[in-house]
Structure formats: structure tokens, C-alpha cells
Amino acid sequence: MNDVPVDRLMSTGLTAIERGAAAADAATKMLETDVNSLLVVEADGTLTGMITATDFVALVRDNDPKDRTPVEAFMTTEVVTVSRDDTVADLSEPTAHGYTHLPVTDDDGRPVGVVSTTDLTAHLSRAG
């Protein structure tokens, strides 16, 4: 059960936004696509950050949510990522530290999927 590779449970329908996009645009994209996180990418697709619903709570608390604050002003930049070959066991440390969305990246740092605690919970409930 713990040796299942990440690519068997990750979501591949990625929702991303380019660095420099406005916070309001990111919020609209999250609402329209019904996701709780956005990957922030450079123009070449390289992962540069991540925005979660929690980040938006802090933004609204600290700013006017309709301003043109760019996403890089409030995104998480120290993004913990995993690879396709990592296993469920490898996810235990980052999820124990509170990470709820882990981007899965290729060797070039481009996102290929996301594993959420929801994905992990669903996998463990099916295995149990």
C-alpha cells in the first residue's frame, strides 16, 4: 500500500496561471475550475510557485482583494514537490508537516500532476 507510486493517484488535470497574473484573475480561475490550488508557472511552463485557498484568506485579510496584486506577491515559493516515482510512503513527511497539495514535477521542473491529501485519503480508504 505504501509502495504505490505517486503517478497512480495524482490528479493530472492541472490548473495553472502564469506568474504576473493578478490575484483577482487567480481567484476567478479557481472558482471557475472548482479547484483549491493553482500552480504558478513561468511562460515556459516551469513551476515557480503555488497558490492555495489559504493564501487567499491571508490576501483578503491583508489587502483589498480587488486590487491588482500579482500572484507572486502571495504565492508559496518554497514549494515542496514530488516525482512520479515517489511512493505513498514518501508523502508521509510533507503531509505530516501540513502540506495539502504536492505538485508532481518532471525532471525539468514542469508540473505533470498534483497529489492532494484528498487523493491520498481516497487511495488509503480503497486500500483498507
N, C-alpha and C. Protein backbone atom coordinates (compact mmCIF):
# COMPACT_ATOMS: atom_id res chain seq x y z
N MET A 1 0.82 -1.18 0.00
CA MET A 1 0.00 0.00 0.00
C MET A 1 0.87 1.25 0.00
N ASN A 2 1.98 1.27 0.77
CA ASN A 2 2.84 2.43 0.84
C ASN A 2 3.85 2.51 -0.29
N ASP A 3 3.95 1.44 -1.09
CA ASP A 3 4.91 1.47 -2.18
C ASP A 3 4.26 1.81 -3.52
N VAL A 4 3.00 2.26 -3.49
CA VAL A 4 2.29 2.68 -4.69
C VAL A 4 2.92 3.98 -5.19
N PRO A 5 3.29 4.05 -6.48
CA PRO A 5 3.89 5.29 -6.98
C PRO A 5 2.87 6.43 -7.06
N VAL A 6 3.38 7.63 -6.87
CA VAL A 6 2.56 8.84 -6.87
C VAL A 6 1.75 8.97 -8.15
N ASP A 7 2.32 8.59 -9.28
CA ASP A 7 1.60 8.80 -10.54
C ASP A 7 0.34 7.95 -10.67
N ARG A 8 0.14 7.01 -9.75
CA ARG A 8 -1.10 6.23 -9.76
C ARG A 8 -2.24 6.94 -9.05
N LEU A 9 -1.95 7.96 -8.22
CA LEU A 9 -3.02 8.65 -7.52
C LEU A 9 -3.05 10.16 -7.74
N MET A 10 -2.09 10.71 -8.48
CA MET A 10 -2.07 12.15 -8.69
C MET A 10 -3.17 12.58 -9.67
N SER A 11 -3.58 13.82 -9.53
CA SER A 11 -4.50 14.43 -10.48
C SER A 11 -3.66 15.00 -11.62
N THR A 12 -4.12 14.81 -12.84
CA THR A 12 -3.36 15.32 -13.97
C THR A 12 -4.06 16.47 -14.69
N GLY A 13 -5.28 16.76 -14.31
CA GLY A 13 -5.97 17.91 -14.88
C GLY A 13 -5.47 19.16 -14.18
N LEU A 14 -4.32 19.66 -14.60
CA LEU A 14 -3.65 20.75 -13.90
C LEU A 14 -4.31 22.09 -14.19
N THR A 15 -4.38 22.90 -13.16
CA THR A 15 -4.87 24.26 -13.30
C THR A 15 -3.73 25.18 -12.91
N ALA A 16 -3.26 25.94 -13.88
CA ALA A 16 -2.09 26.79 -13.67
C ALA A 16 -2.40 28.22 -14.11
N ILE A 17 -1.59 29.12 -13.62
CA ILE A 17 -1.68 30.53 -14.00
C ILE A 17 -0.25 31.04 -14.12
N GLU A 18 -0.03 31.97 -15.04
CA GLU A 18 1.32 32.49 -15.22
C GLU A 18 1.69 33.49 -14.15
N ARG A 19 2.93 33.47 -13.78
CA ARG A 19 3.49 34.46 -12.86
C ARG A 19 3.18 35.84 -13.44
N GLY A 20 2.80 36.76 -12.59
CA GLY A 20 2.46 38.10 -13.04
C GLY A 20 0.97 38.33 -13.18
N ALA A 21 0.19 37.24 -13.19
CA ALA A 21 -1.27 37.38 -13.27
C ALA A 21 -1.77 38.05 -11.99
N ALA A 22 -2.88 38.73 -12.09
CA ALA A 22 -3.46 39.41 -10.93
C ALA A 22 -4.15 38.42 -10.00
N ALA A 23 -4.15 38.74 -8.72
CA ALA A 23 -4.82 37.90 -7.72
C ALA A 23 -6.28 37.69 -8.07
N ALA A 24 -6.95 38.73 -8.54
CA ALA A 24 -8.36 38.60 -8.90
C ALA A 24 -8.55 37.58 -10.03
N ASP A 25 -7.62 37.56 -10.97
CA ASP A 25 -7.70 36.58 -12.06
C ASP A 25 -7.48 35.16 -11.54
N ALA A 26 -6.56 35.03 -10.59
CA ALA A 26 -6.32 33.71 -9.99
C ALA A 26 -7.55 33.24 -9.22
N ALA A 27 -8.18 34.14 -8.47
CA ALA A 27 -9.38 33.78 -7.72
C ALA A 27 -10.50 33.36 -8.67
N THR A 28 -10.67 34.11 -9.75
CA THR A 28 -11.70 33.77 -10.73
C THR A 28 -11.43 32.39 -11.33
N LYS A 29 -10.18 32.13 -11.66
CA LYS A 29 -9.82 30.83 -12.26
C LYS A 29 -10.09 29.69 -11.29
N MET A 30 -9.77 29.89 -10.00
CA MET A 30 -10.02 28.84 -9.01
C MET A 30 -11.51 28.58 -8.87
N LEU A 31 -12.31 29.63 -8.86
CA LEU A 31 -13.76 29.46 -8.74
C LEU A 31 -14.36 28.80 -9.98
N GLU A 32 -13.93 29.23 -11.16
CA GLU A 32 -14.47 28.68 -12.41
C GLU A 32 -14.11 27.22 -12.61
N THR A 33 -12.94 26.81 -12.12
CA THR A 33 -12.49 25.43 -12.32
C THR A 33 -12.72 24.56 -11.09
N ASP A 34 -13.25 25.17 -10.01
CA ASP A 34 -13.58 24.44 -8.78
C ASP A 34 -12.38 23.68 -8.22
N VAL A 35 -11.23 24.41 -8.11
CA VAL A 35 -10.04 23.82 -7.51
C VAL A 35 -9.65 24.62 -6.27
N ASN A 36 -8.86 24.00 -5.40
CA ASN A 36 -8.41 24.66 -4.18
C ASN A 36 -6.97 25.12 -4.25
N SER A 37 -6.34 24.91 -5.41
CA SER A 37 -4.96 25.37 -5.57
C SER A 37 -4.67 25.62 -7.05
N LEU A 38 -3.75 26.54 -7.29
CA LEU A 38 -3.27 26.83 -8.63
C LEU A 38 -1.76 26.70 -8.64
N LEU A 39 -1.23 26.11 -9.69
CA LEU A 39 0.21 26.09 -9.89
C LEU A 39 0.57 27.40 -10.59
N VAL A 40 1.61 28.08 -10.14
CA VAL A 40 2.08 29.30 -10.78
C VAL A 40 3.30 28.92 -11.60
N VAL A 41 3.24 29.22 -12.90
CA VAL A 41 4.29 28.80 -13.81
C VAL A 41 4.87 29.99 -14.56
N GLU A 42 6.11 29.82 -15.00
CA GLU A 42 6.75 30.78 -15.89
C GLU A 42 6.16 30.57 -17.29
N ALA A 43 6.48 31.45 -18.22
CA ALA A 43 5.96 31.34 -19.59
C ALA A 43 6.35 30.01 -20.23
N ASP A 44 7.50 29.43 -19.84
CA ASP A 44 7.93 28.15 -20.41
C ASP A 44 7.32 26.94 -19.72
N GLY A 45 6.44 27.19 -18.73
CA GLY A 45 5.77 26.09 -18.04
C GLY A 45 6.47 25.61 -16.79
N THR A 46 7.62 26.17 -16.45
CA THR A 46 8.36 25.76 -15.25
C THR A 46 7.62 26.22 -14.00
N LEU A 47 7.50 25.34 -13.05
CA LEU A 47 6.82 25.66 -11.79
C LEU A 47 7.63 26.70 -11.02
N THR A 48 6.95 27.76 -10.58
CA THR A 48 7.62 28.81 -9.82
C THR A 48 6.97 29.04 -8.47
N GLY A 49 5.75 28.55 -8.29
CA GLY A 49 5.06 28.74 -7.02
C GLY A 49 3.71 28.03 -7.02
N MET A 50 2.98 28.26 -5.95
CA MET A 50 1.67 27.64 -5.79
C MET A 50 0.80 28.56 -4.96
N ILE A 51 -0.48 28.62 -5.30
CA ILE A 51 -1.45 29.41 -4.55
C ILE A 51 -2.54 28.46 -4.08
N THR A 52 -2.89 28.56 -2.81
CA THR A 52 -3.97 27.75 -2.27
C THR A 52 -5.06 28.66 -1.71
N ALA A 53 -6.17 28.06 -1.37
CA ALA A 53 -7.26 28.82 -0.77
C ALA A 53 -6.80 29.52 0.50
N THR A 54 -5.91 28.90 1.24
CA THR A 54 -5.38 29.50 2.45
C THR A 54 -4.61 30.79 2.14
N ASP A 55 -3.89 30.80 1.02
CA ASP A 55 -3.18 32.01 0.62
C ASP A 55 -4.15 33.16 0.36
N PHE A 56 -5.31 32.83 -0.21
CA PHE A 56 -6.31 33.86 -0.47
C PHE A 56 -6.90 34.43 0.81
N VAL A 57 -7.05 33.61 1.82
CA VAL A 57 -7.54 34.11 3.10
C VAL A 57 -6.58 35.17 3.64
N ALA A 58 -5.28 34.91 3.56
CA ALA A 58 -4.29 35.87 4.02
C ALA A 58 -4.31 37.13 3.16
N LEU A 59 -4.47 36.98 1.86
CA LEU A 59 -4.52 38.13 0.97
C LEU A 59 -5.70 39.04 1.29
N VAL A 60 -6.86 38.45 1.47
CA VAL A 60 -8.05 39.24 1.78
C VAL A 60 -7.90 39.92 3.13
N ARG A 61 -7.32 39.22 4.08
CA ARG A 61 -7.10 39.79 5.41
C ARG A 61 -6.18 41.01 5.32
N ASP A 62 -5.16 40.94 4.49
CA ASP A 62 -4.13 41.97 4.46
C ASP A 62 -4.30 43.04 3.38
N ASN A 63 -5.19 42.83 2.41
CA ASN A 63 -5.29 43.74 1.26
C ASN A 63 -6.72 43.90 0.79
N ASP A 64 -6.87 44.82 -0.13
CA ASP A 64 -8.12 44.97 -0.87
C ASP A 64 -8.12 43.86 -1.92
N PRO A 65 -9.04 42.90 -1.86
CA PRO A 65 -8.99 41.77 -2.78
C PRO A 65 -9.22 42.15 -4.25
N LYS A 66 -9.69 43.35 -4.51
CA LYS A 66 -9.91 43.73 -5.91
C LYS A 66 -8.71 44.49 -6.49
N ASP A 67 -7.65 44.65 -5.69
CA ASP A 67 -6.50 45.35 -6.24
C ASP A 67 -5.80 44.48 -7.26
N ARG A 68 -4.80 45.00 -7.88
CA ARG A 68 -4.09 44.29 -8.94
C ARG A 68 -2.83 43.61 -8.40
N THR A 69 -2.88 43.13 -7.17
CA THR A 69 -1.75 42.43 -6.58
C THR A 69 -1.38 41.24 -7.47
N PRO A 70 -0.12 41.14 -7.88
CA PRO A 70 0.27 39.99 -8.70
C PRO A 70 0.37 38.73 -7.84
N VAL A 71 0.13 37.59 -8.46
CA VAL A 71 0.11 36.33 -7.72
C VAL A 71 1.43 36.05 -7.01
N GLU A 72 2.55 36.51 -7.56
CA GLU A 72 3.82 36.21 -6.91
C GLU A 72 3.98 36.94 -5.58
N ALA A 73 3.13 37.92 -5.31
CA ALA A 73 3.20 38.64 -4.04
C ALA A 73 2.68 37.81 -2.87
N PHE A 74 1.88 36.78 -3.17
CA PHE A 74 1.32 35.99 -2.07
C PHE A 74 1.39 34.49 -2.28
N MET A 75 1.99 34.04 -3.37
CA MET A 75 2.10 32.61 -3.60
C MET A 75 3.16 32.00 -2.69
N THR A 76 3.08 30.71 -2.49
CA THR A 76 4.12 29.97 -1.79
C THR A 76 5.24 29.74 -2.78
N THR A 77 6.44 30.13 -2.42
CA THR A 77 7.57 29.96 -3.34
C THR A 77 8.45 28.77 -2.99
N GLU A 78 8.43 28.36 -1.75
CA GLU A 78 9.21 27.20 -1.32
C GLU A 78 8.32 25.97 -1.46
N VAL A 79 7.96 25.66 -2.71
CA VAL A 79 7.01 24.59 -2.98
C VAL A 79 7.68 23.24 -2.82
N VAL A 80 7.07 22.40 -2.00
CA VAL A 80 7.55 21.03 -1.84
C VAL A 80 6.93 20.22 -2.98
N THR A 81 7.78 19.59 -3.77
CA THR A 81 7.31 18.79 -4.90
C THR A 81 7.70 17.33 -4.72
N VAL A 82 7.06 16.49 -5.50
CA VAL A 82 7.39 15.07 -5.53
C VAL A 82 7.53 14.67 -6.99
N SER A 83 8.09 13.50 -7.20
CA SER A 83 8.23 12.99 -8.57
C SER A 83 7.24 11.85 -8.79
N ARG A 84 7.05 11.50 -10.03
CA ARG A 84 6.14 10.39 -10.38
C ARG A 84 6.55 9.09 -9.71
N ASP A 85 7.84 8.92 -9.49
CA ASP A 85 8.36 7.67 -8.95
C ASP A 85 8.31 7.59 -7.43
N ASP A 86 8.05 8.71 -6.76
CA ASP A 86 7.91 8.67 -5.31
C ASP A 86 6.71 7.79 -4.96
N THR A 87 6.71 7.28 -3.76
CA THR A 87 5.64 6.38 -3.33
C THR A 87 4.76 7.06 -2.29
N VAL A 88 3.66 6.40 -1.97
CA VAL A 88 2.76 6.89 -0.93
C VAL A 88 3.54 7.08 0.37
N ALA A 89 4.45 6.19 0.67
CA ALA A 89 5.26 6.31 1.89
C ALA A 89 6.08 7.60 1.86
N ASP A 90 6.55 8.01 0.68
CA ASP A 90 7.34 9.22 0.56
C ASP A 90 6.52 10.48 0.85
N LEU A 91 5.20 10.37 0.78
CA LEU A 91 4.32 11.52 1.03
C LEU A 91 4.09 11.76 2.51
N SER A 92 4.46 10.81 3.35
CA SER A 92 4.14 10.93 4.78
C SER A 92 4.80 12.14 5.43
N GLU A 93 6.04 12.44 5.09
CA GLU A 93 6.71 13.57 5.72
C GLU A 93 6.09 14.91 5.33
N PRO A 94 5.93 15.22 4.01
CA PRO A 94 5.34 16.53 3.69
C PRO A 94 3.90 16.68 4.19
N THR A 95 3.10 15.64 4.14
CA THR A 95 1.72 15.78 4.62
C THR A 95 1.70 15.91 6.14
N ALA A 96 2.65 15.29 6.83
CA ALA A 96 2.73 15.45 8.29
C ALA A 96 3.10 16.88 8.67
N HIS A 97 3.76 17.59 7.77
CA HIS A 97 4.14 18.99 8.01
C HIS A 97 3.07 19.96 7.51
N GLY A 98 1.90 19.45 7.16
CA GLY A 98 0.79 20.33 6.81
C GLY A 98 0.60 20.64 5.34
N TYR A 99 1.42 20.08 4.47
CA TYR A 99 1.24 20.31 3.04
C TYR A 99 0.04 19.52 2.55
N THR A 100 -0.91 20.18 1.93
CA THR A 100 -2.14 19.52 1.48
C THR A 100 -2.17 19.31 -0.03
N HIS A 101 -1.29 19.99 -0.76
CA HIS A 101 -1.19 19.85 -2.21
C HIS A 101 0.29 19.74 -2.57
N LEU A 102 0.66 18.66 -3.22
CA LEU A 102 2.05 18.45 -3.61
C LEU A 102 2.13 18.35 -5.12
N PRO A 103 2.72 19.35 -5.79
CA PRO A 103 2.89 19.24 -7.23
C PRO A 103 3.84 18.09 -7.57
N VAL A 104 3.51 17.38 -8.63
CA VAL A 104 4.37 16.32 -9.15
C VAL A 104 5.06 16.93 -10.36
N THR A 105 6.39 16.95 -10.36
CA THR A 105 7.13 17.58 -11.45
C THR A 105 8.00 16.58 -12.19
N ASP A 106 8.29 16.94 -13.45
CA ASP A 106 9.20 16.12 -14.24
C ASP A 106 10.63 16.56 -13.95
N ASP A 107 11.59 15.99 -14.66
CA ASP A 107 13.00 16.28 -14.41
C ASP A 107 13.37 17.73 -14.73
N ASP A 108 12.54 18.42 -15.52
CA ASP A 108 12.81 19.81 -15.89
C ASP A 108 12.08 20.80 -15.00
N GLY A 109 11.42 20.32 -13.94
CA GLY A 109 10.71 21.20 -13.03
C GLY A 109 9.34 21.64 -13.52
N ARG A 110 8.82 20.95 -14.53
CA ARG A 110 7.50 21.27 -15.05
C ARG A 110 6.45 20.38 -14.38
N PRO A 111 5.34 20.96 -13.96
CA PRO A 111 4.32 20.15 -13.29
C PRO A 111 3.65 19.18 -14.25
N VAL A 112 3.45 17.95 -13.77
CA VAL A 112 2.75 16.92 -14.55
C VAL A 112 1.54 16.40 -13.80
N GLY A 113 1.38 16.83 -12.55
CA GLY A 113 0.26 16.39 -11.74
C GLY A 113 0.30 17.04 -10.38
N VAL A 114 -0.73 16.77 -9.59
CA VAL A 114 -0.79 17.24 -8.21
C VAL A 114 -1.37 16.11 -7.38
N VAL A 115 -0.77 15.87 -6.23
CA VAL A 115 -1.32 14.91 -5.27
C VAL A 115 -1.81 15.73 -4.08
N SER A 116 -3.07 15.55 -3.76
CA SER A 116 -3.64 16.26 -2.61
C SER A 116 -3.89 15.27 -1.48
N THR A 117 -4.12 15.80 -0.31
CA THR A 117 -4.46 14.92 0.80
C THR A 117 -5.78 14.22 0.53
N THR A 118 -6.64 14.83 -0.27
CA THR A 118 -7.89 14.17 -0.68
C THR A 118 -7.59 12.94 -1.52
N ASP A 119 -6.65 13.06 -2.48
CA ASP A 119 -6.23 11.91 -3.30
C ASP A 119 -5.66 10.80 -2.42
N LEU A 120 -4.83 11.21 -1.48
CA LEU A 120 -4.18 10.25 -0.60
C LEU A 120 -5.21 9.54 0.28
N THR A 121 -6.14 10.29 0.83
CA THR A 121 -7.20 9.70 1.66
C THR A 121 -8.04 8.72 0.86
N ALA A 122 -8.40 9.10 -0.36
CA ALA A 122 -9.20 8.21 -1.21
C ALA A 122 -8.43 6.93 -1.50
N HIS A 123 -7.15 7.04 -1.79
CA HIS A 123 -6.34 5.86 -2.06
C HIS A 123 -6.29 4.94 -0.83
N LEU A 124 -6.03 5.53 0.33
CA LEU A 124 -5.91 4.72 1.55
C LEU A 124 -7.24 4.08 1.93
N SER A 125 -8.35 4.76 1.67
CA SER A 125 -9.65 4.16 2.01
C SER A 125 -9.97 2.99 1.06
N ARG A 126 -9.55 3.08 -0.19
CA ARG A 126 -9.77 1.96 -1.13
C ARG A 126 -8.88 0.78 -0.77
N ALA A 127 -7.67 1.09 -0.30
CA ALA A 127 -6.70 0.02 0.02
C ALA A 127 -7.05 -0.68 1.33
N GLY A 128 -7.78 0.04 2.19
CA GLY A 128 -8.06 -0.51 3.52
C GLY A 128 -9.24 -1.34 3.52
